[in-house]
Amino acid sequence: MVYLIDASVFVFRAWYSMPPDLHDADGNPTHALYGFARFLSDLIEQRSPQYIAVAFDESLGGGHRRLLYPAYKANREPAPPELLRQFAMCRSFCRHVGAADFSSPQFEADDLIGTLAARMRASGVRVTIVSRDKDLAQLIGPGDVYWDYAAGIEYRYEQIAERFGVRPEQMADYLALTGDSVDNIPGVPGVGPKTAIALMRAFASLDAIYENPEGASALPIRGASGLPAKLRTHREAAYLARSLTRIHCEAPVEAERETLLRRSPDVSAMGEFCRQHGFGAMLARQAERIAARLA
């Protein structure tokens, strides 16, 4: 099993939830770094994964999707310098603890996770995706796991529809219909989650919907009679949205199966890292325990 981790979810979570009173020797805040480091160390100690990789968003501006749709993520405020600095330190921590880390200026973390998942499956390794971003549920196949670590819940392929209302292979189409306000993707106006779920259950895919948009009027939902007109009017927007919501699984990542093998933590470097960033000895001792298991 390979554990593929969506770093941004956990760095941002720590940035907003951890008390901002941790600082390094130069006075720079380190609370997001500490929260992420605790999360990753705990996961490794609990699960002892054979393969592990952490994907980072090198640019928070959208990469290749911004070229397709300039308004993509344009509603987001730029990350403050203090947070960007801690993102860089989180990547350093991954290397100290023995986890491979990846980023790209053109492709988002989702695409890197999708690419790594595809490659590891091709070599016979099943996948656990660690995130709470519903977009990533589209990558789950039979035998895989979607792990909402913060909630402490794991979903297998068969359970994704129970959690999100649609099957993994329908998620990109579902999001193309509803849009995604977080990423500034408009979708089809007037089609909310309930309507999109009904459409996915009746037609299975966006392509099937547009082969017979008139059939949407027969759905047993409120406003069904007006759906065909909405779908026809916004066909181009729906397909543009799907090009944004669909995860790219062929990013140019140089990573073979062996690249994702978990390495033993560098205990000496970890101790110095913790001292530099004002973390005390707890994470360093945890690294020693992890290293002892691999010895």
C-alpha atoms as a PDB file:
ATOM      1  CA  MET A   1       0.000   0.000   0.000  1.00  0.00           C
ATOM      2  CA  VAL A   2       1.221   3.505  -0.860  1.00  0.00           C
ATOM      3  CA  TYR A   3       0.072   6.487   1.183  1.00  0.00           C
ATOM      4  CA  LEU A   4      -0.343   9.609  -0.968  1.00  0.00           C
ATOM      5  CA  ILE A   5      -0.795  12.725   1.139  1.00  0.00           C
ATOM      6  CA  ASP A   6      -2.393  16.021   0.134  1.00  0.00           C
ATOM      7  CA  ALA A   7      -0.083  18.353   2.071  1.00  0.00           C
ATOM      8  CA  SER A   8      -2.075  21.583   1.713  1.00  0.00           C
ATOM      9  CA  VAL A   9      -5.041  20.213   3.664  1.00  0.00           C
ATOM     10  CA  PHE A  10      -2.885  19.586   6.716  1.00  0.00           C
ATOM     11  CA  VAL A  11      -0.656  22.649   6.478  1.00  0.00           C
ATOM     12  CA  PHE A  12      -3.659  24.979   6.202  1.00  0.00           C
ATOM     13  CA  ARG A  13      -5.448  23.121   8.976  1.00  0.00           C
ATOM     14  CA  ALA A  14      -2.470  23.635  11.276  1.00  0.00           C
ATOM     15  CA  TRP A  15      -2.102  27.278  10.183  1.00  0.00           C
ATOM     16  CA  TYR A  16      -5.647  28.061  11.299  1.00  0.00           C
ATOM     17  CA  SER A  17      -5.979  25.724  14.287  1.00  0.00           C
ATOM     18  CA  MET A  18      -2.606  25.763  16.048  1.00  0.00           C
ATOM     19  CA  PRO A  19      -1.813  28.589  18.487  1.00  0.00           C
ATOM     20  CA  PRO A  20       0.450  31.049  16.592  1.00  0.00           C
ATOM     21  CA  ASP A  21       2.953  31.308  19.431  1.00  0.00           C
ATOM     22  CA  LEU A  22       5.612  28.910  18.123  1.00  0.00           C
ATOM     23  CA  HIS A  23       8.660  30.591  16.577  1.00  0.00           C
ATOM     24  CA  ASP A  24      12.118  29.635  15.430  1.00  0.00           C
ATOM     25  CA  ALA A  25      15.334  31.228  16.712  1.00  0.00           C
ATOM     26  CA  ASP A  26      14.908  34.146  14.293  1.00  0.00           C
ATOM     27  CA  GLY A  27      11.354  34.884  15.380  1.00  0.00           C
ATOM     28  CA  ASN A  28       9.629  33.348  12.362  1.00  0.00           C
ATOM     29  CA  PRO A  29       6.291  31.596  13.101  1.00  0.00           C
ATOM     30  CA  THR A  30       6.427  27.787  12.949  1.00  0.00           C
ATOM     31  CA  HIS A  31       2.981  26.704  14.148  1.00  0.00           C
ATOM     32  CA  ALA A  32       1.785  25.412  10.739  1.00  0.00           C
ATOM     33  CA  LEU A  33       5.048  23.525  10.325  1.00  0.00           C
ATOM     34  CA  TYR A  34       4.703  21.994  13.779  1.00  0.00           C
ATOM     35  CA  GLY A  35       1.105  20.896  13.174  1.00  0.00           C
ATOM     36  CA  PHE A  36       2.036  19.317   9.855  1.00  0.00           C
ATOM     37  CA  ALA A  37       5.094  17.625  11.366  1.00  0.00           C
ATOM     38  CA  ARG A  38       3.012  16.147  14.179  1.00  0.00           C
ATOM     39  CA  PHE A  39       0.451  14.844  11.688  1.00  0.00           C
ATOM     40  CA  LEU A  40       3.019  13.231   9.383  1.00  0.00           C
ATOM     41  CA  SER A  41       5.065  11.728  12.215  1.00  0.00           C
ATOM     42  CA  ASP A  42       1.951  10.282  13.847  1.00  0.00           C
ATOM     43  CA  LEU A  43       0.757   8.775  10.562  1.00  0.00           C
ATOM     44  CA  ILE A  44       4.126   7.142   9.888  1.00  0.00           C
ATOM     45  CA  GLU A  45       4.430   5.806  13.420  1.00  0.00           C
ATOM     46  CA  GLN A  46       0.865   4.449  13.426  1.00  0.00           C
ATOM     47  CA  ARG A  47       0.828   2.867   9.975  1.00  0.00           C
ATOM     48  CA  SER A  48       4.497   2.150   9.162  1.00  0.00           C
ATOM     49  CA  PRO A  49       3.786   2.553   5.426  1.00  0.00           C
ATOM     50  CA  GLN A  50       6.078   0.772   3.009  1.00  0.00           C
ATOM     51  CA  TYR A  51       5.528   3.499   0.414  1.00  0.00           C
ATOM     52  CA  ILE A  52       4.697   7.127   1.086  1.00  0.00           C
ATOM     53  CA  ALA A  53       4.672  10.421  -0.815  1.00  0.00           C
ATOM     54  CA  VAL A  54       3.566  13.939   0.063  1.00  0.00           C
ATOM     55  CA  ALA A  55       2.332  16.251  -2.704  1.00  0.00           C
ATOM     56  CA  PHE A  56       2.655  20.029  -2.396  1.00  0.00           C
ATOM     57  CA  ASP A  57       1.204  22.875  -4.435  1.00  0.00           C
ATOM     58  CA  GLU A  58       4.330  24.735  -5.533  1.00  0.00           C
ATOM     59  CA  SER A  59       2.184  27.550  -6.897  1.00  0.00           C
ATOM     60  CA  LEU A  60      -1.160  28.225  -5.252  1.00  0.00           C
ATOM     61  CA  GLY A  61      -2.339  30.006  -8.417  1.00  0.00           C
ATOM     62  CA  GLY A  62      -3.687  27.027 -10.361  1.00  0.00           C
ATOM     63  CA  GLY A  63      -0.890  26.030 -12.749  1.00  0.00           C
ATOM     64  CA  HIS A  64      -2.046  24.688 -16.112  1.00  0.00           C
ATOM     65  CA  ARG A  65      -5.729  25.145 -15.200  1.00  0.00           C
ATOM     66  CA  ARG A  66      -5.255  28.906 -15.047  1.00  0.00           C
ATOM     67  CA  LEU A  67      -4.226  28.752 -18.715  1.00  0.00           C
ATOM     68  CA  LEU A  68      -7.532  27.046 -19.547  1.00  0.00           C
ATOM     69  CA  TYR A  69      -9.610  29.385 -17.408  1.00  0.00           C
ATOM     70  CA  PRO A  70      -7.938  32.588 -16.148  1.00  0.00           C
ATOM     71  CA  ALA A  71     -10.531  33.005 -13.385  1.00  0.00           C
ATOM     72  CA  TYR A  72      -9.572  29.644 -11.853  1.00  0.00           C
ATOM     73  CA  LYS A  73      -8.852  30.217  -8.137  1.00  0.00           C
ATOM     74  CA  ALA A  74      -8.741  33.963  -8.820  1.00  0.00           C
ATOM     75  CA  ASN A  75     -11.069  34.467  -5.834  1.00  0.00           C
ATOM     76  CA  ARG A  76      -8.390  33.352  -3.379  1.00  0.00           C
ATOM     77  CA  GLU A  77      -6.267  35.729  -1.378  1.00  0.00           C
ATOM     78  CA  PRO A  78      -2.516  35.200  -1.827  1.00  0.00           C
ATOM     79  CA  ALA A  79      -0.952  33.120   0.923  1.00  0.00           C
ATOM     80  CA  PRO A  80       0.960  35.305   3.400  1.00  0.00           C
ATOM     81  CA  PRO A  81       4.763  35.078   3.280  1.00  0.00           C
ATOM     82  CA  GLU A  82       4.829  33.516   6.751  1.00  0.00           C
ATOM     83  CA  LEU A  83       2.733  30.603   5.493  1.00  0.00           C
ATOM     84  CA  LEU A  84       4.680  30.162   2.237  1.00  0.00           C
ATOM     85  CA  ARG A  85       7.870  29.938   4.258  1.00  0.00           C
ATOM     86  CA  GLN A  86       6.365  27.206   6.422  1.00  0.00           C
ATOM     87  CA  PHE A  87       5.265  25.265   3.330  1.00  0.00           C
ATOM     88  CA  ALA A  88       8.920  25.153   2.268  1.00  0.00           C
ATOM     89  CA  MET A  89       9.943  23.950   5.722  1.00  0.00           C
ATOM     90  CA  CYS A  90       7.257  21.232   5.588  1.00  0.00           C
ATOM     91  CA  ARG A  91       8.941  19.841   2.479  1.00  0.00           C
ATOM     92  CA  SER A  92      12.236  19.764   4.352  1.00  0.00           C
ATOM     93  CA  PHE A  93      10.579  17.928   7.214  1.00  0.00           C
ATOM     94  CA  CYS A  94       9.292  15.249   4.811  1.00  0.00           C
ATOM     95  CA  ARG A  95      12.853  14.499   3.771  1.00  0.00           C
ATOM     96  CA  HIS A  96      14.072  14.332   7.364  1.00  0.00           C
ATOM     97  CA  VAL A  97      11.304  11.905   8.358  1.00  0.00           C
ATOM     98  CA  GLY A  98      11.859   9.674   5.313  1.00  0.00           C
ATOM     99  CA  ALA A  99       8.884  10.531   3.077  1.00  0.00           C
ATOM    100  CA  ALA A 100       9.228  11.429  -0.604  1.00  0.00           C
ATOM    101  CA  ASP A 101       7.891  14.870  -1.504  1.00  0.00           C
ATOM    102  CA  PHE A 102       6.710  16.235  -4.852  1.00  0.00           C
ATOM    103  CA  SER A 103       5.661  19.547  -6.383  1.00  0.00           C
ATOM    104  CA  SER A 104       5.384  21.124  -9.827  1.00  0.00           C
ATOM    105  CA  PRO A 105       5.037  24.694 -11.139  1.00  0.00           C
ATOM    106  CA  GLN A 106       2.503  23.540 -13.763  1.00  0.00           C
ATOM    107  CA  PHE A 107       0.555  20.778 -12.040  1.00  0.00           C
ATOM    108  CA  GLU A 108      -1.302  20.897  -8.759  1.00  0.00           C
ATOM    109  CA  ALA A 109      -0.894  18.466  -5.895  1.00  0.00           C
ATOM    110  CA  ASP A 110      -4.064  16.644  -7.013  1.00  0.00           C
ATOM    111  CA  ASP A 111      -2.468  15.922 -10.388  1.00  0.00           C
ATOM    112  CA  LEU A 112       0.735  14.709  -8.764  1.00  0.00           C
ATOM    113  CA  ILE A 113      -1.247  12.398  -6.504  1.00  0.00           C
ATOM    114  CA  GLY A 114      -3.236  11.135  -9.492  1.00  0.00           C
ATOM    115  CA  THR A 115      -0.061  10.473 -11.458  1.00  0.00           C
ATOM    116  CA  LEU A 116       1.644   8.688  -8.576  1.00  0.00           C
ATOM    117  CA  ALA A 117      -1.488   6.640  -7.902  1.00  0.00           C
ATOM    118  CA  ALA A 118      -1.653   5.515 -11.528  1.00  0.00           C
ATOM    119  CA  ARG A 119       2.005   4.534 -11.575  1.00  0.00           C
ATOM    120  CA  MET A 120       1.880   2.638  -8.309  1.00  0.00           C
ATOM    121  CA  ARG A 121      -1.255   0.743  -9.376  1.00  0.00           C
ATOM    122  CA  ALA A 122       0.498  -0.202 -12.610  1.00  0.00           C
ATOM    123  CA  SER A 123       3.270  -1.767 -10.516  1.00  0.00           C
ATOM    124  CA  GLY A 124       0.773  -3.710  -8.374  1.00  0.00           C
ATOM    125  CA  VAL A 125       0.560  -1.404  -5.328  1.00  0.00           C
ATOM    126  CA  ARG A 126      -2.816  -0.300  -3.958  1.00  0.00           C
ATOM    127  CA  VAL A 127      -3.407   3.300  -2.926  1.00  0.00           C
ATOM    128  CA  THR A 128      -4.509   5.189   0.176  1.00  0.00           C
ATOM    129  CA  ILE A 129      -5.169   8.870  -0.444  1.00  0.00           C
ATOM    130  CA  VAL A 130      -4.930  10.982   2.704  1.00  0.00           C
ATOM    131  CA  SER A 131      -7.030  14.125   2.366  1.00  0.00           C
ATOM    132  CA  ARG A 132     -10.470  15.547   2.969  1.00  0.00           C
ATOM    133  CA  ASP A 133     -10.751  17.184  -0.442  1.00  0.00           C
ATOM    134  CA  LYS A 134     -13.660  15.543  -2.270  1.00  0.00           C
ATOM    135  CA  ASP A 135     -11.970  16.165  -5.640  1.00  0.00           C
ATOM    136  CA  LEU A 136      -9.459  13.433  -4.844  1.00  0.00           C
ATOM    137  CA  ALA A 137     -12.214  10.858  -4.343  1.00  0.00           C
ATOM    138  CA  GLN A 138     -12.315  10.522  -8.158  1.00  0.00           C
ATOM    139  CA  LEU A 139      -8.967   8.690  -7.970  1.00  0.00           C
ATOM    140  CA  ILE A 140     -10.228   5.860  -5.784  1.00  0.00           C
ATOM    141  CA  GLY A 141     -10.533   2.468  -7.436  1.00  0.00           C
ATOM    142  CA  PRO A 142     -11.388  -1.021  -6.141  1.00  0.00           C
ATOM    143  CA  GLY A 143      -8.974  -1.919  -3.384  1.00  0.00           C
ATOM    144  CA  ASP A 144      -8.043   1.708  -2.673  1.00  0.00           C
ATOM    145  CA  VAL A 145      -8.823   3.817   0.385  1.00  0.00           C
ATOM    146  CA  TYR A 146      -9.800   7.471   0.786  1.00  0.00           C
ATOM    147  CA  TRP A 147      -8.726   8.446   4.300  1.00  0.00           C
ATOM    148  CA  ASP A 148     -10.238  11.546   5.877  1.00  0.00           C
ATOM    149  CA  TYR A 149      -7.542  11.655   8.528  1.00  0.00           C
ATOM    150  CA  ALA A 150      -8.964  14.607  10.427  1.00  0.00           C
ATOM    151  CA  ALA A 151     -12.314  12.854  10.847  1.00  0.00           C
ATOM    152  CA  GLY A 152     -10.691   9.481  11.481  1.00  0.00           C
ATOM    153  CA  ILE A 153     -12.780   7.801   8.758  1.00  0.00           C
ATOM    154  CA  GLU A 154     -11.643   5.631   5.853  1.00  0.00           C
ATOM    155  CA  TYR A 155     -13.776   5.058   2.766  1.00  0.00           C
ATOM    156  CA  ARG A 156     -13.268   2.256   0.301  1.00  0.00           C
ATOM    157  CA  TYR A 157     -14.351   2.400  -3.320  1.00  0.00           C
ATOM    158  CA  GLU A 158     -17.803   1.008  -2.570  1.00  0.00           C
ATOM    159  CA  GLN A 159     -18.376   3.606   0.165  1.00  0.00           C
ATOM    160  CA  ILE A 160     -17.516   6.748  -1.801  1.00  0.00           C
ATOM    161  CA  ALA A 161     -21.048   7.041  -3.232  1.00  0.00           C
ATOM    162  CA  GLU A 162     -22.470   6.774   0.289  1.00  0.00           C
ATOM    163  CA  ARG A 163     -20.228   9.625   1.425  1.00  0.00           C
ATOM    164  CA  PHE A 164     -20.426  11.982  -1.559  1.00  0.00           C
ATOM    165  CA  GLY A 165     -23.520  10.857  -3.450  1.00  0.00           C
ATOM    166  CA  VAL A 166     -21.685   9.814  -6.635  1.00  0.00           C
ATOM    167  CA  ARG A 167     -19.205   7.101  -7.589  1.00  0.00           C
ATOM    168  CA  PRO A 168     -15.501   8.004  -7.839  1.00  0.00           C
ATOM    169  CA  GLU A 169     -15.537   7.947 -11.643  1.00  0.00           C
ATOM    170  CA  GLN A 170     -18.455  10.422 -11.602  1.00  0.00           C
ATOM    171  CA  MET A 171     -16.891  12.994  -9.285  1.00  0.00           C
ATOM    172  CA  ALA A 172     -15.325  15.210 -11.970  1.00  0.00           C
ATOM    173  CA  ASP A 173     -18.623  15.291 -13.904  1.00  0.00           C
ATOM    174  CA  TYR A 174     -20.591  15.996 -10.732  1.00  0.00           C
ATOM    175  CA  LEU A 175     -18.320  18.947  -9.888  1.00  0.00           C
ATOM    176  CA  ALA A 176     -18.575  20.201 -13.466  1.00  0.00           C
ATOM    177  CA  LEU A 177     -22.343  20.439 -13.009  1.00  0.00           C
ATOM    178  CA  THR A 178     -22.390  21.982  -9.539  1.00  0.00           C
ATOM    179  CA  GLY A 179     -19.309  24.094  -9.940  1.00  0.00           C
ATOM    180  CA  ASP A 180     -16.826  24.584  -7.111  1.00  0.00           C
ATOM    181  CA  SER A 181     -16.893  27.934  -5.339  1.00  0.00           C
ATOM    182  CA  VAL A 182     -13.611  27.182  -3.549  1.00  0.00           C
ATOM    183  CA  ASP A 183     -11.792  27.004  -6.897  1.00  0.00           C
ATOM    184  CA  ASN A 184     -14.011  29.609  -8.618  1.00  0.00           C
ATOM    185  CA  ILE A 185     -15.452  27.108 -11.113  1.00  0.00           C
ATOM    186  CA  PRO A 186     -18.979  28.252 -12.093  1.00  0.00           C
ATOM    187  CA  GLY A 187     -20.612  24.998 -13.309  1.00  0.00           C
ATOM    188  CA  VAL A 188     -24.186  25.021 -14.623  1.00  0.00           C
ATOM    189  CA  PRO A 189     -26.290  27.781 -12.994  1.00  0.00           C
ATOM    190  CA  GLY A 190     -29.279  26.355 -11.173  1.00  0.00           C
ATOM    191  CA  VAL A 191     -27.781  22.866 -10.769  1.00  0.00           C
ATOM    192  CA  GLY A 192     -26.967  22.243  -7.138  1.00  0.00           C
ATOM    193  CA  PRO A 193     -25.685  19.093  -5.405  1.00  0.00           C
ATOM    194  CA  LYS A 194     -29.073  17.344  -5.177  1.00  0.00           C
ATOM    195  CA  THR A 195     -29.860  17.944  -8.831  1.00  0.00           C
ATOM    196  CA  ALA A 196     -26.368  16.921  -9.921  1.00  0.00           C
ATOM    197  CA  ILE A 197     -26.616  13.683  -7.936  1.00  0.00           C
ATOM    198  CA  ALA A 198     -29.975  12.929  -9.561  1.00  0.00           C
ATOM    199  CA  LEU A 199     -28.469  13.573 -12.995  1.00  0.00           C
ATOM    200  CA  MET A 200     -25.490  11.334 -12.285  1.00  0.00           C
ATOM    201  CA  ARG A 201     -27.718   8.526 -11.076  1.00  0.00           C
ATOM    202  CA  ALA A 202     -29.951   8.779 -14.122  1.00  0.00           C
ATOM    203  CA  PHE A 203     -27.333   9.345 -16.816  1.00  0.00           C
ATOM    204  CA  ALA A 204     -24.050   8.142 -15.238  1.00  0.00           C
ATOM    205  CA  SER A 205     -21.859  10.761 -16.959  1.00  0.00           C
ATOM    206  CA  LEU A 206     -21.761  14.274 -18.388  1.00  0.00           C
ATOM    207  CA  ASP A 207     -21.432  12.866 -21.903  1.00  0.00           C
ATOM    208  CA  ALA A 208     -24.566  10.766 -21.434  1.00  0.00           C
ATOM    209  CA  ILE A 209     -26.478  13.804 -20.202  1.00  0.00           C
ATOM    210  CA  TYR A 210     -25.619  15.777 -23.311  1.00  0.00           C
ATOM    211  CA  GLU A 211     -26.534  12.916 -25.589  1.00  0.00           C
ATOM    212  CA  ASN A 212     -30.111  13.377 -24.363  1.00  0.00           C
ATOM    213  CA  PRO A 213     -30.543  16.584 -22.332  1.00  0.00           C
ATOM    214  CA  GLU A 214     -34.314  16.440 -22.854  1.00  0.00           C
ATOM    215  CA  GLY A 215     -34.403  13.309 -20.721  1.00  0.00           C
ATOM    216  CA  ALA A 216     -33.538  15.416 -17.667  1.00  0.00           C
ATOM    217  CA  SER A 217     -37.100  16.743 -17.641  1.00  0.00           C
ATOM    218  CA  ALA A 218     -38.338  13.323 -16.496  1.00  0.00           C
ATOM    219  CA  LEU A 219     -36.291  13.307 -13.291  1.00  0.00           C
ATOM    220  CA  PRO A 220     -38.422  13.148 -10.124  1.00  0.00           C
ATOM    221  CA  ILE A 221     -36.976  16.362  -8.725  1.00  0.00           C
ATOM    222  CA  ARG A 222     -38.167  19.921  -8.320  1.00  0.00           C
ATOM    223  CA  GLY A 223     -37.553  22.079 -11.386  1.00  0.00           C
ATOM    224  CA  ALA A 224     -36.894  19.139 -13.707  1.00  0.00           C
ATOM    225  CA  SER A 225     -38.913  20.679 -16.527  1.00  0.00           C
ATOM    226  CA  GLY A 226     -36.446  23.547 -16.810  1.00  0.00           C
ATOM    227  CA  LEU A 227     -33.314  21.426 -16.700  1.00  0.00           C
ATOM    228  CA  PRO A 228     -32.939  20.700 -20.433  1.00  0.00           C
ATOM    229  CA  ALA A 229     -32.843  24.416 -21.258  1.00  0.00           C
ATOM    230  CA  LYS A 230     -30.263  25.093 -18.534  1.00  0.00           C
ATOM    231  CA  LEU A 231     -28.101  22.215 -19.683  1.00  0.00           C
ATOM    232  CA  ARG A 232     -28.231  23.234 -23.342  1.00  0.00           C
ATOM    233  CA  THR A 233     -27.486  26.881 -22.582  1.00  0.00           C
ATOM    234  CA  HIS A 234     -24.474  26.068 -20.443  1.00  0.00           C
ATOM    235  CA  ARG A 235     -23.061  23.070 -22.312  1.00  0.00           C
ATOM    236  CA  GLU A 236     -19.775  24.792 -23.137  1.00  0.00           C
ATOM    237  CA  ALA A 237     -19.351  25.940 -19.536  1.00  0.00           C
ATOM    238  CA  ALA A 238     -20.016  22.415 -18.229  1.00  0.00           C
ATOM    239  CA  TYR A 239     -17.325  20.893 -20.423  1.00  0.00           C
ATOM    240  CA  LEU A 240     -14.872  23.649 -19.546  1.00  0.00           C
ATOM    241  CA  ALA A 241     -15.596  22.990 -15.889  1.00  0.00           C
ATOM    242  CA  ARG A 242     -14.927  19.283 -16.345  1.00  0.00           C
ATOM    243  CA  SER A 243     -11.531  20.047 -17.866  1.00  0.00           C
ATOM    244  CA  LEU A 244     -10.802  21.858 -14.588  1.00  0.00           C
ATOM    245  CA  THR A 245     -12.310  19.349 -12.152  1.00  0.00           C
ATOM    246  CA  ARG A 246     -10.818  16.248 -13.793  1.00  0.00           C
ATOM    247  CA  ILE A 247      -7.499  15.279 -12.208  1.00  0.00           C
ATOM    248  CA  HIS A 248      -4.615  14.884 -14.642  1.00  0.00           C
ATOM    249  CA  CYS A 249      -2.899  11.513 -14.111  1.00  0.00           C
ATOM    250  CA  GLU A 250      -0.011  11.887 -16.536  1.00  0.00           C
ATOM    251  CA  ALA A 251       1.972  14.745 -15.024  1.00  0.00           C
ATOM    252  CA  PRO A 252       5.704  14.742 -15.887  1.00  0.00           C
ATOM    253  CA  VAL A 253       6.862  13.410 -12.532  1.00  0.00           C
ATOM    254  CA  GLU A 254      10.144  11.543 -12.273  1.00  0.00           C
ATOM    255  CA  ALA A 255       9.205   8.874  -9.769  1.00  0.00           C
ATOM    256  CA  GLU A 256       9.581   5.117  -9.914  1.00  0.00           C
ATOM    257  CA  ARG A 257       8.196   2.681  -7.379  1.00  0.00           C
ATOM    258  CA  GLU A 258      11.494   2.661  -5.474  1.00  0.00           C
ATOM    259  CA  THR A 259      11.362   6.468  -5.167  1.00  0.00           C
ATOM    260  CA  LEU A 260       8.342   6.177  -2.905  1.00  0.00           C
ATOM    261  CA  LEU A 261       9.868   3.632  -0.535  1.00  0.00           C
ATOM    262  CA  ARG A 262       9.819   5.026   2.970  1.00  0.00           C
ATOM    263  CA  ARG A 263      13.299   5.742   4.250  1.00  0.00           C
ATOM    264  CA  SER A 264      14.534   5.685   7.801  1.00  0.00           C
ATOM    265  CA  PRO A 265      14.421   9.117   9.453  1.00  0.00           C
ATOM    266  CA  ASP A 266      17.686  11.006   9.738  1.00  0.00           C
ATOM    267  CA  VAL A 267      17.625  11.167  13.521  1.00  0.00           C
ATOM    268  CA  SER A 268      20.551  13.578  13.828  1.00  0.00           C
ATOM    269  CA  ALA A 269      19.150  15.976  11.225  1.00  0.00           C
ATOM    270  CA  MET A 270      15.707  15.698  12.800  1.00  0.00           C
ATOM    271  CA  GLY A 271      17.059  16.686  16.197  1.00  0.00           C
ATOM    272  CA  GLU A 272      18.764  19.743  14.737  1.00  0.00           C
ATOM    273  CA  PHE A 273      15.633  20.636  12.729  1.00  0.00           C
ATOM    274  CA  CYS A 274      13.518  20.523  15.890  1.00  0.00           C
ATOM    275  CA  ARG A 275      15.993  22.678  17.792  1.00  0.00           C
ATOM    276  CA  GLN A 276      16.122  25.269  15.020  1.00  0.00           C
ATOM    277  CA  HIS A 277      12.347  25.579  14.887  1.00  0.00           C
ATOM    278  CA  GLY A 278      11.618  25.567  18.601  1.00  0.00           C
ATOM    279  CA  PHE A 279       9.865  22.195  18.778  1.00  0.00           C
ATOM    280  CA  GLY A 280      11.510  20.649  21.793  1.00  0.00           C
ATOM    281  CA  ALA A 281      12.452  16.976  21.877  1.00  0.00           C
ATOM    282  CA  MET A 282       9.139  15.184  21.295  1.00  0.00           C
ATOM    283  CA  LEU A 283       9.322  14.966  17.478  1.00  0.00           C
ATOM    284  CA  ALA A 284      12.986  13.988  17.622  1.00  0.00           C
ATOM    285  CA  ARG A 285      12.191  11.132  20.028  1.00  0.00           C
ATOM    286  CA  GLN A 286       9.352  10.037  17.756  1.00  0.00           C
ATOM    287  CA  ALA A 287      11.805   9.953  14.835  1.00  0.00           C
ATOM    288  CA  GLU A 288      14.096   7.727  16.907  1.00  0.00           C
ATOM    289  CA  ARG A 289      11.248   5.274  17.510  1.00  0.00           C
ATOM    290  CA  ILE A 290      10.369   5.200  13.811  1.00  0.00           C
ATOM    291  CA  ALA A 291      13.999   4.659  12.846  1.00  0.00           C
ATOM    292  CA  ALA A 292      14.334   1.840  15.393  1.00  0.00           C
ATOM    293  CA  ARG A 293      11.484  -0.050  13.724  1.00  0.00           C
ATOM    294  CA  LEU A 294      13.279   0.058  10.386  1.00  0.00           C
ATOM    295  CA  ALA A 295      16.677  -0.876  11.818  1.00  0.00           C
END
